[in-house]
N, C-alpha and C. Protein backbone atom coordinates (compact mmCIF):
# COMPACT_ATOMS: atom_id res chain seq x y z
N MET A 1 18.00 -7.72 6.37
CA MET A 1 18.34 -8.23 7.75
C MET A 1 18.12 -9.56 7.58
N LYS A 2 18.77 -10.26 8.45
CA LYS A 2 18.61 -11.82 8.48
C LYS A 2 18.01 -12.15 9.72
N LEU A 3 17.05 -13.16 9.72
CA LEU A 3 16.40 -13.62 10.92
C LEU A 3 16.99 -14.88 11.32
N GLN A 4 17.06 -15.14 12.56
CA GLN A 4 17.51 -16.44 13.10
C GLN A 4 16.18 -17.21 13.67
N ILE A 5 15.82 -18.21 13.14
CA ILE A 5 14.57 -18.94 13.46
C ILE A 5 15.02 -20.43 13.94
N LEU A 6 14.52 -20.83 14.99
CA LEU A 6 14.77 -22.14 15.56
C LEU A 6 13.70 -23.16 15.01
N ASN A 7 14.04 -23.97 14.45
CA ASN A 7 13.04 -25.02 14.10
C ASN A 7 13.26 -26.26 15.01
N GLN A 8 12.11 -26.61 15.69
CA GLN A 8 12.36 -27.74 16.81
C GLN A 8 11.68 -29.03 16.06
N THR A 9 12.38 -30.10 16.21
CA THR A 9 11.86 -31.30 15.87
C THR A 9 10.94 -31.72 16.86
N PRO A 10 10.01 -32.81 16.64
CA PRO A 10 9.05 -33.28 17.54
C PRO A 10 9.74 -33.86 18.70
N HIS A 11 10.91 -34.33 18.74
CA HIS A 11 11.61 -34.98 19.79
C HIS A 11 12.47 -34.18 20.67
N ALA A 12 12.56 -32.77 20.46
CA ALA A 12 13.33 -31.96 21.30
C ALA A 12 12.44 -31.64 22.59
N THR A 13 13.08 -32.05 23.60
CA THR A 13 12.47 -31.80 24.90
C THR A 13 13.60 -31.45 25.85
N GLY A 14 13.11 -30.65 26.78
CA GLY A 14 14.05 -30.20 28.08
C GLY A 14 15.46 -29.78 27.47
N ASP A 15 16.47 -30.37 28.05
CA ASP A 15 17.84 -29.95 27.79
C ASP A 15 18.24 -30.55 26.31
N ASN A 16 17.52 -31.28 25.52
CA ASN A 16 17.97 -31.89 24.38
C ASN A 16 17.92 -30.85 23.40
N LEU A 17 18.96 -30.06 23.38
CA LEU A 17 18.94 -28.95 22.23
C LEU A 17 19.61 -29.48 21.02
N SER A 18 20.11 -30.62 20.92
CA SER A 18 20.76 -31.22 19.70
C SER A 18 19.86 -31.19 18.54
N SER A 19 18.44 -31.29 18.99
CA SER A 19 17.47 -31.45 17.91
C SER A 19 17.04 -30.06 17.43
N LEU A 20 17.54 -29.01 17.77
CA LEU A 20 17.32 -27.62 17.34
C LEU A 20 18.16 -27.26 16.22
N ARG A 21 17.54 -26.73 15.32
CA ARG A 21 18.36 -26.34 14.05
C ARG A 21 18.17 -24.78 13.73
N LYS A 22 19.22 -24.07 13.58
CA LYS A 22 19.16 -22.67 13.33
C LYS A 22 18.99 -22.43 11.79
N VAL A 23 18.04 -21.64 11.35
CA VAL A 23 17.79 -21.36 9.93
C VAL A 23 17.75 -19.88 9.85
N SER A 24 18.71 -19.30 8.95
CA SER A 24 18.91 -17.88 8.83
C SER A 24 18.25 -17.55 7.38
N HIS A 25 17.35 -16.57 7.34
CA HIS A 25 16.88 -16.14 5.95
C HIS A 25 16.01 -14.77 6.16
N THR A 26 15.93 -14.10 5.09
CA THR A 26 15.02 -13.00 5.12
C THR A 26 13.76 -13.16 4.64
N MET A 27 12.74 -12.99 5.34
CA MET A 27 11.36 -13.17 5.13
C MET A 27 10.68 -11.98 4.59
N ILE A 28 9.64 -12.09 3.77
CA ILE A 28 8.96 -11.08 3.08
C ILE A 28 7.40 -11.26 3.50
N ARG A 29 6.66 -10.36 3.90
CA ARG A 29 5.32 -10.27 4.09
C ARG A 29 4.65 -9.49 3.05
N THR A 30 3.71 -9.89 2.28
CA THR A 30 3.00 -9.18 1.33
C THR A 30 1.64 -8.86 1.74
N ILE A 31 0.98 -7.70 1.46
CA ILE A 31 -0.36 -7.30 1.75
C ILE A 31 -0.95 -6.58 0.52
N LEU A 32 -2.04 -7.39 -0.03
CA LEU A 32 -2.77 -7.04 -1.02
C LEU A 32 -4.07 -6.45 -0.46
N THR A 33 -4.47 -5.25 -0.76
CA THR A 33 -5.72 -4.75 -0.23
C THR A 33 -6.69 -4.70 -1.40
N LEU A 34 -7.88 -5.45 -1.32
CA LEU A 34 -9.01 -5.41 -2.32
C LEU A 34 -10.33 -4.71 -1.85
N GLN A 35 -11.00 -4.14 -2.65
CA GLN A 35 -12.34 -3.50 -2.21
C GLN A 35 -13.37 -4.10 -2.97
N VAL A 36 -14.43 -4.67 -2.43
CA VAL A 36 -15.56 -5.16 -2.92
C VAL A 36 -16.75 -4.62 -2.21
N ALA A 37 -17.91 -4.71 -3.00
CA ALA A 37 -18.96 -4.32 -2.23
C ALA A 37 -19.35 -5.39 -1.12
N PRO A 38 -19.72 -4.97 0.09
CA PRO A 38 -19.90 -5.73 1.15
C PRO A 38 -20.64 -7.07 0.80
N GLU A 39 -21.71 -7.08 0.00
CA GLU A 39 -22.43 -8.25 -0.31
C GLU A 39 -21.67 -9.20 -1.19
N ARG A 40 -20.47 -8.81 -1.75
CA ARG A 40 -19.61 -9.65 -2.57
C ARG A 40 -18.50 -10.29 -1.88
N VAL A 41 -18.33 -9.93 -0.59
CA VAL A 41 -17.22 -10.48 0.25
C VAL A 41 -17.18 -12.10 0.08
N ARG A 42 -18.35 -12.78 0.28
CA ARG A 42 -18.42 -14.19 0.52
C ARG A 42 -18.15 -14.70 -0.96
N ALA A 43 -18.56 -13.96 -2.09
CA ALA A 43 -18.25 -14.41 -3.35
C ALA A 43 -16.75 -14.48 -3.67
N LEU A 44 -16.13 -13.38 -3.20
CA LEU A 44 -14.67 -13.30 -3.44
C LEU A 44 -13.94 -14.35 -2.64
N LEU A 45 -14.46 -14.49 -1.40
CA LEU A 45 -13.82 -15.70 -0.72
C LEU A 45 -14.00 -17.07 -1.32
N GLY A 46 -15.15 -17.35 -1.85
CA GLY A 46 -15.53 -18.44 -2.57
C GLY A 46 -14.53 -18.52 -3.73
N PHE A 47 -14.29 -17.48 -4.59
CA PHE A 47 -13.44 -17.54 -5.75
C PHE A 47 -12.08 -17.96 -5.22
N TYR A 48 -11.63 -17.43 -4.06
CA TYR A 48 -10.18 -17.78 -3.65
C TYR A 48 -10.22 -19.27 -3.17
N GLU A 49 -11.24 -19.62 -2.60
CA GLU A 49 -11.18 -21.11 -2.23
C GLU A 49 -11.37 -22.03 -3.47
N THR A 50 -12.39 -21.74 -4.40
CA THR A 50 -12.60 -22.61 -5.42
C THR A 50 -11.30 -22.78 -6.38
N GLU A 51 -10.66 -21.40 -6.57
CA GLU A 51 -9.44 -21.36 -7.47
C GLU A 51 -8.22 -21.90 -6.64
N LYS A 52 -8.34 -22.03 -5.36
CA LYS A 52 -7.18 -22.41 -4.43
C LYS A 52 -6.00 -21.48 -4.63
N ILE A 53 -6.33 -20.19 -4.70
CA ILE A 53 -5.14 -19.22 -4.87
C ILE A 53 -4.09 -19.17 -3.82
N LEU A 54 -4.60 -19.23 -2.61
CA LEU A 54 -3.57 -19.19 -1.43
C LEU A 54 -2.63 -20.63 -1.57
N GLN A 55 -3.49 -21.59 -1.72
CA GLN A 55 -2.59 -23.01 -1.85
C GLN A 55 -1.74 -23.05 -3.03
N LYS A 56 -2.03 -22.31 -4.12
CA LYS A 56 -1.24 -22.51 -5.34
C LYS A 56 -0.11 -21.38 -5.16
N SER A 57 -0.32 -20.36 -4.40
CA SER A 57 0.93 -19.53 -4.12
C SER A 57 1.94 -20.28 -3.45
N ILE A 58 1.42 -21.34 -2.43
CA ILE A 58 2.47 -22.00 -1.85
C ILE A 58 3.18 -23.08 -2.63
N ASP A 59 2.18 -23.78 -3.39
CA ASP A 59 2.74 -24.92 -4.34
C ASP A 59 3.52 -24.41 -5.46
N MET A 60 3.15 -23.44 -6.02
CA MET A 60 3.83 -22.99 -7.23
C MET A 60 4.99 -22.08 -7.03
N SER A 61 4.92 -21.19 -5.96
CA SER A 61 5.99 -20.26 -5.92
C SER A 61 6.70 -20.16 -4.38
N GLY A 62 6.24 -21.11 -3.59
CA GLY A 62 7.02 -21.29 -2.37
C GLY A 62 6.60 -20.36 -1.17
N ALA A 63 5.41 -19.76 -1.25
CA ALA A 63 4.89 -18.98 -0.09
C ALA A 63 4.91 -19.94 1.02
N VAL A 64 5.21 -19.31 2.14
CA VAL A 64 5.12 -20.02 3.44
C VAL A 64 3.68 -20.23 4.24
N ALA A 65 2.92 -19.20 3.85
CA ALA A 65 1.55 -19.18 4.44
C ALA A 65 0.80 -18.00 3.68
N GLY A 66 -0.45 -18.19 3.74
CA GLY A 66 -1.39 -16.97 3.21
C GLY A 66 -2.55 -16.86 3.79
N GLU A 67 -3.13 -15.71 4.10
CA GLU A 67 -4.43 -15.38 4.72
C GLU A 67 -5.28 -14.46 3.87
N PHE A 68 -6.56 -14.64 4.08
CA PHE A 68 -7.58 -13.88 3.34
C PHE A 68 -8.47 -13.34 4.53
N ALA A 69 -8.46 -12.05 4.78
CA ALA A 69 -9.03 -11.45 5.91
C ALA A 69 -10.18 -10.41 5.62
N VAL A 70 -11.09 -10.18 6.21
CA VAL A 70 -12.18 -9.24 5.81
C VAL A 70 -12.22 -8.26 6.95
N SER A 71 -12.40 -6.97 6.64
CA SER A 71 -12.67 -5.83 7.66
C SER A 71 -13.85 -6.22 8.54
N THR A 72 -13.67 -5.99 9.87
CA THR A 72 -14.70 -6.23 10.71
C THR A 72 -15.83 -5.09 10.74
N ASP A 73 -15.55 -3.99 9.97
CA ASP A 73 -16.57 -2.88 10.04
C ASP A 73 -17.56 -3.00 8.85
N GLY A 74 -17.57 -4.04 8.15
CA GLY A 74 -18.41 -4.39 7.11
C GLY A 74 -18.31 -3.64 5.73
N SER A 75 -17.16 -3.01 5.71
CA SER A 75 -16.87 -2.03 4.59
C SER A 75 -16.66 -2.82 3.17
N GLY A 76 -16.29 -4.03 3.31
CA GLY A 76 -15.99 -4.76 2.08
C GLY A 76 -14.45 -4.71 1.82
N THR A 77 -13.73 -4.20 2.73
CA THR A 77 -12.17 -4.05 2.51
C THR A 77 -11.58 -5.56 2.84
N ILE A 78 -10.87 -6.16 2.02
CA ILE A 78 -10.19 -7.41 2.09
C ILE A 78 -8.74 -7.22 2.12
N LEU A 79 -7.94 -7.86 3.03
CA LEU A 79 -6.50 -7.94 3.08
C LEU A 79 -6.29 -9.45 2.69
N VAL A 80 -5.42 -9.66 1.60
CA VAL A 80 -4.81 -10.90 1.39
C VAL A 80 -3.34 -10.75 1.80
N THR A 81 -2.92 -11.64 2.69
CA THR A 81 -1.52 -11.35 3.20
C THR A 81 -0.88 -12.74 2.89
N ALA A 82 0.56 -12.66 2.63
CA ALA A 82 1.15 -13.95 2.52
C ALA A 82 2.74 -13.75 3.10
N LEU A 83 3.30 -14.75 3.45
CA LEU A 83 4.50 -14.91 4.10
C LEU A 83 5.35 -15.61 3.02
N TRP A 84 6.61 -15.02 2.74
CA TRP A 84 7.34 -15.57 1.68
C TRP A 84 8.86 -15.77 2.25
N PRO A 85 9.39 -16.90 1.77
CA PRO A 85 10.84 -17.02 2.35
C PRO A 85 11.80 -15.97 1.73
N ASP A 86 11.56 -15.20 0.76
CA ASP A 86 12.37 -14.27 0.22
C ASP A 86 11.71 -13.52 -0.94
N ARG A 87 12.37 -12.46 -1.35
CA ARG A 87 11.78 -11.63 -2.48
C ARG A 87 11.61 -12.46 -3.73
N ALA A 88 12.69 -13.41 -3.95
CA ALA A 88 12.60 -14.11 -5.24
C ALA A 88 11.22 -15.02 -5.41
N ALA A 89 10.87 -15.48 -4.21
CA ALA A 89 9.70 -16.48 -4.16
C ALA A 89 8.37 -15.63 -4.61
N TYR A 90 8.33 -14.32 -3.97
CA TYR A 90 7.14 -13.41 -4.35
C TYR A 90 7.25 -12.98 -5.73
N ASP A 91 8.38 -12.65 -6.20
CA ASP A 91 8.58 -12.22 -7.59
C ASP A 91 8.05 -13.37 -8.52
N ALA A 92 8.46 -14.69 -8.19
CA ALA A 92 7.94 -15.68 -8.99
C ALA A 92 6.49 -15.76 -9.10
N TRP A 93 5.85 -15.51 -7.94
CA TRP A 93 4.32 -15.50 -7.95
C TRP A 93 3.86 -14.35 -8.63
N LEU A 94 4.40 -13.27 -8.67
CA LEU A 94 3.96 -12.09 -9.57
C LEU A 94 4.09 -12.48 -10.98
N ALA A 95 5.08 -13.30 -11.33
CA ALA A 95 5.28 -13.74 -12.77
C ALA A 95 4.47 -14.94 -13.25
N ASN A 96 3.78 -15.50 -12.17
CA ASN A 96 3.22 -16.86 -12.52
C ASN A 96 1.90 -16.65 -13.23
N GLU A 97 1.76 -17.48 -14.38
CA GLU A 97 0.67 -17.45 -15.38
C GLU A 97 -0.58 -17.83 -14.75
N PHE A 98 -0.64 -18.66 -13.78
CA PHE A 98 -2.04 -18.83 -13.17
C PHE A 98 -2.51 -17.60 -12.39
N ARG A 99 -1.58 -16.89 -11.71
CA ARG A 99 -1.84 -15.78 -11.09
C ARG A 99 -2.37 -14.64 -11.94
N ALA A 100 -1.84 -14.54 -13.20
CA ALA A 100 -2.37 -13.64 -14.14
C ALA A 100 -3.84 -13.86 -14.57
N GLU A 101 -3.88 -15.17 -14.88
CA GLU A 101 -5.25 -15.70 -15.38
C GLU A 101 -6.31 -15.47 -14.18
N SER A 102 -5.94 -15.84 -12.94
CA SER A 102 -6.95 -15.82 -12.11
C SER A 102 -7.39 -14.36 -11.63
N ASN A 103 -6.39 -13.41 -11.76
CA ASN A 103 -6.62 -12.00 -11.39
C ASN A 103 -7.72 -11.57 -12.43
N GLY A 104 -7.56 -12.09 -13.88
CA GLY A 104 -8.46 -11.59 -14.82
C GLY A 104 -9.75 -12.04 -14.49
N ARG A 105 -10.03 -13.31 -14.01
CA ARG A 105 -11.37 -13.72 -13.71
C ARG A 105 -11.83 -13.10 -12.49
N MET A 106 -11.01 -12.69 -11.53
CA MET A 106 -11.39 -12.08 -10.23
C MET A 106 -11.86 -10.76 -10.29
N ALA A 107 -11.34 -10.03 -11.29
CA ALA A 107 -11.52 -8.42 -11.41
C ALA A 107 -12.95 -8.18 -11.55
N ALA A 108 -13.94 -8.87 -12.07
CA ALA A 108 -15.39 -8.63 -12.19
C ALA A 108 -16.01 -8.58 -10.65
N LEU A 109 -15.31 -9.27 -9.89
CA LEU A 109 -15.87 -9.15 -8.36
C LEU A 109 -15.51 -7.97 -7.73
N LEU A 110 -14.35 -7.39 -8.14
CA LEU A 110 -13.94 -6.02 -7.32
C LEU A 110 -14.59 -4.79 -7.89
N GLU A 111 -14.54 -3.82 -6.84
CA GLU A 111 -15.23 -2.49 -7.11
C GLU A 111 -14.63 -1.72 -8.33
N ASP A 112 -13.27 -1.78 -8.43
CA ASP A 112 -12.65 -0.98 -9.42
C ASP A 112 -12.26 -1.91 -10.62
N ASP A 113 -12.56 -3.22 -10.74
CA ASP A 113 -12.07 -4.02 -11.66
C ASP A 113 -10.58 -4.20 -11.90
N ALA A 114 -9.90 -3.87 -11.01
CA ALA A 114 -8.40 -4.07 -11.01
C ALA A 114 -7.90 -4.93 -9.70
N VAL A 115 -6.95 -5.77 -10.13
CA VAL A 115 -6.05 -6.49 -8.97
C VAL A 115 -4.75 -5.84 -9.12
N GLY A 116 -4.23 -5.18 -8.10
CA GLY A 116 -3.00 -4.61 -8.26
C GLY A 116 -2.07 -5.50 -7.57
N VAL A 117 -0.71 -4.97 -7.53
CA VAL A 117 0.36 -5.71 -6.80
C VAL A 117 0.31 -5.19 -5.58
N GLY A 118 0.31 -6.03 -4.43
CA GLY A 118 0.40 -5.62 -3.02
C GLY A 118 1.69 -5.09 -2.59
N GLN A 119 1.79 -4.51 -1.45
CA GLN A 119 2.95 -3.95 -0.91
C GLN A 119 3.68 -5.17 -0.35
N SER A 120 5.01 -5.02 -0.29
CA SER A 120 5.87 -6.11 0.39
C SER A 120 6.59 -5.48 1.52
N PHE A 121 6.93 -6.24 2.58
CA PHE A 121 7.64 -5.70 3.58
C PHE A 121 8.58 -6.78 4.04
N GLU A 122 9.88 -6.39 4.46
CA GLU A 122 10.83 -7.37 4.83
C GLU A 122 10.73 -7.40 6.32
N ILE A 123 10.70 -8.57 6.83
CA ILE A 123 10.34 -8.78 8.27
C ILE A 123 11.69 -8.62 9.10
N LEU A 124 11.66 -7.65 9.88
CA LEU A 124 12.83 -7.43 10.72
C LEU A 124 12.84 -8.02 12.17
N HIS A 125 11.66 -8.20 12.66
CA HIS A 125 11.55 -8.74 14.02
C HIS A 125 10.21 -9.44 14.22
N GLU A 126 10.27 -10.48 14.78
CA GLU A 126 9.05 -11.27 15.05
C GLU A 126 9.14 -12.00 16.31
N VAL A 127 7.89 -12.28 17.09
CA VAL A 127 7.92 -13.12 18.23
C VAL A 127 6.72 -14.12 18.08
N PHE A 128 6.73 -15.10 18.79
CA PHE A 128 5.75 -16.12 18.72
C PHE A 128 5.22 -16.37 20.08
N GLY A 129 3.92 -16.54 20.30
CA GLY A 129 3.48 -16.97 21.50
C GLY A 129 3.78 -18.51 21.81
N ALA A 130 3.45 -19.00 23.13
CA ALA A 130 3.73 -20.51 23.26
C ALA A 130 2.50 -21.27 22.83
C-alpha cells in the first residue's frame, strides 16, 4: 500500500498550501528483539552508541530513523526498531558488511550469542500529533 505524506517547508503557514509537497511511498518498520542479562543492557547500549550502529544504518542504507528501547520490567529485553523508506533500503542494510562485522562483535553481549534478522512490517496507516 502507498502512503501519502505531506512534507511542509518552514515557510508554509495559514492558507499558503503551495509550499506543501505530497510524497507517496511504502515505508517499512523493522523490529529486532535482543535478550541480554539485565546488568548488560547499558553495555549493549554503549556498544550501539560507540559503533554508531543506528546512525550508520541511516548513512549507509537509507534508514529514516532508528531507536534502541529497553523493557521497563527490567528483564533485559531490548527492541531495536528502524523506519525504512522501502524494503530495498532494509535489504541493503541486511547485506551491509559493517552490519555483519558489528553483529559478530555484539554477539558476546547477548544471552544466546546470536543476532538474528528482525521482523519487518509494511506501514499501512499512521498519524502524527501536533
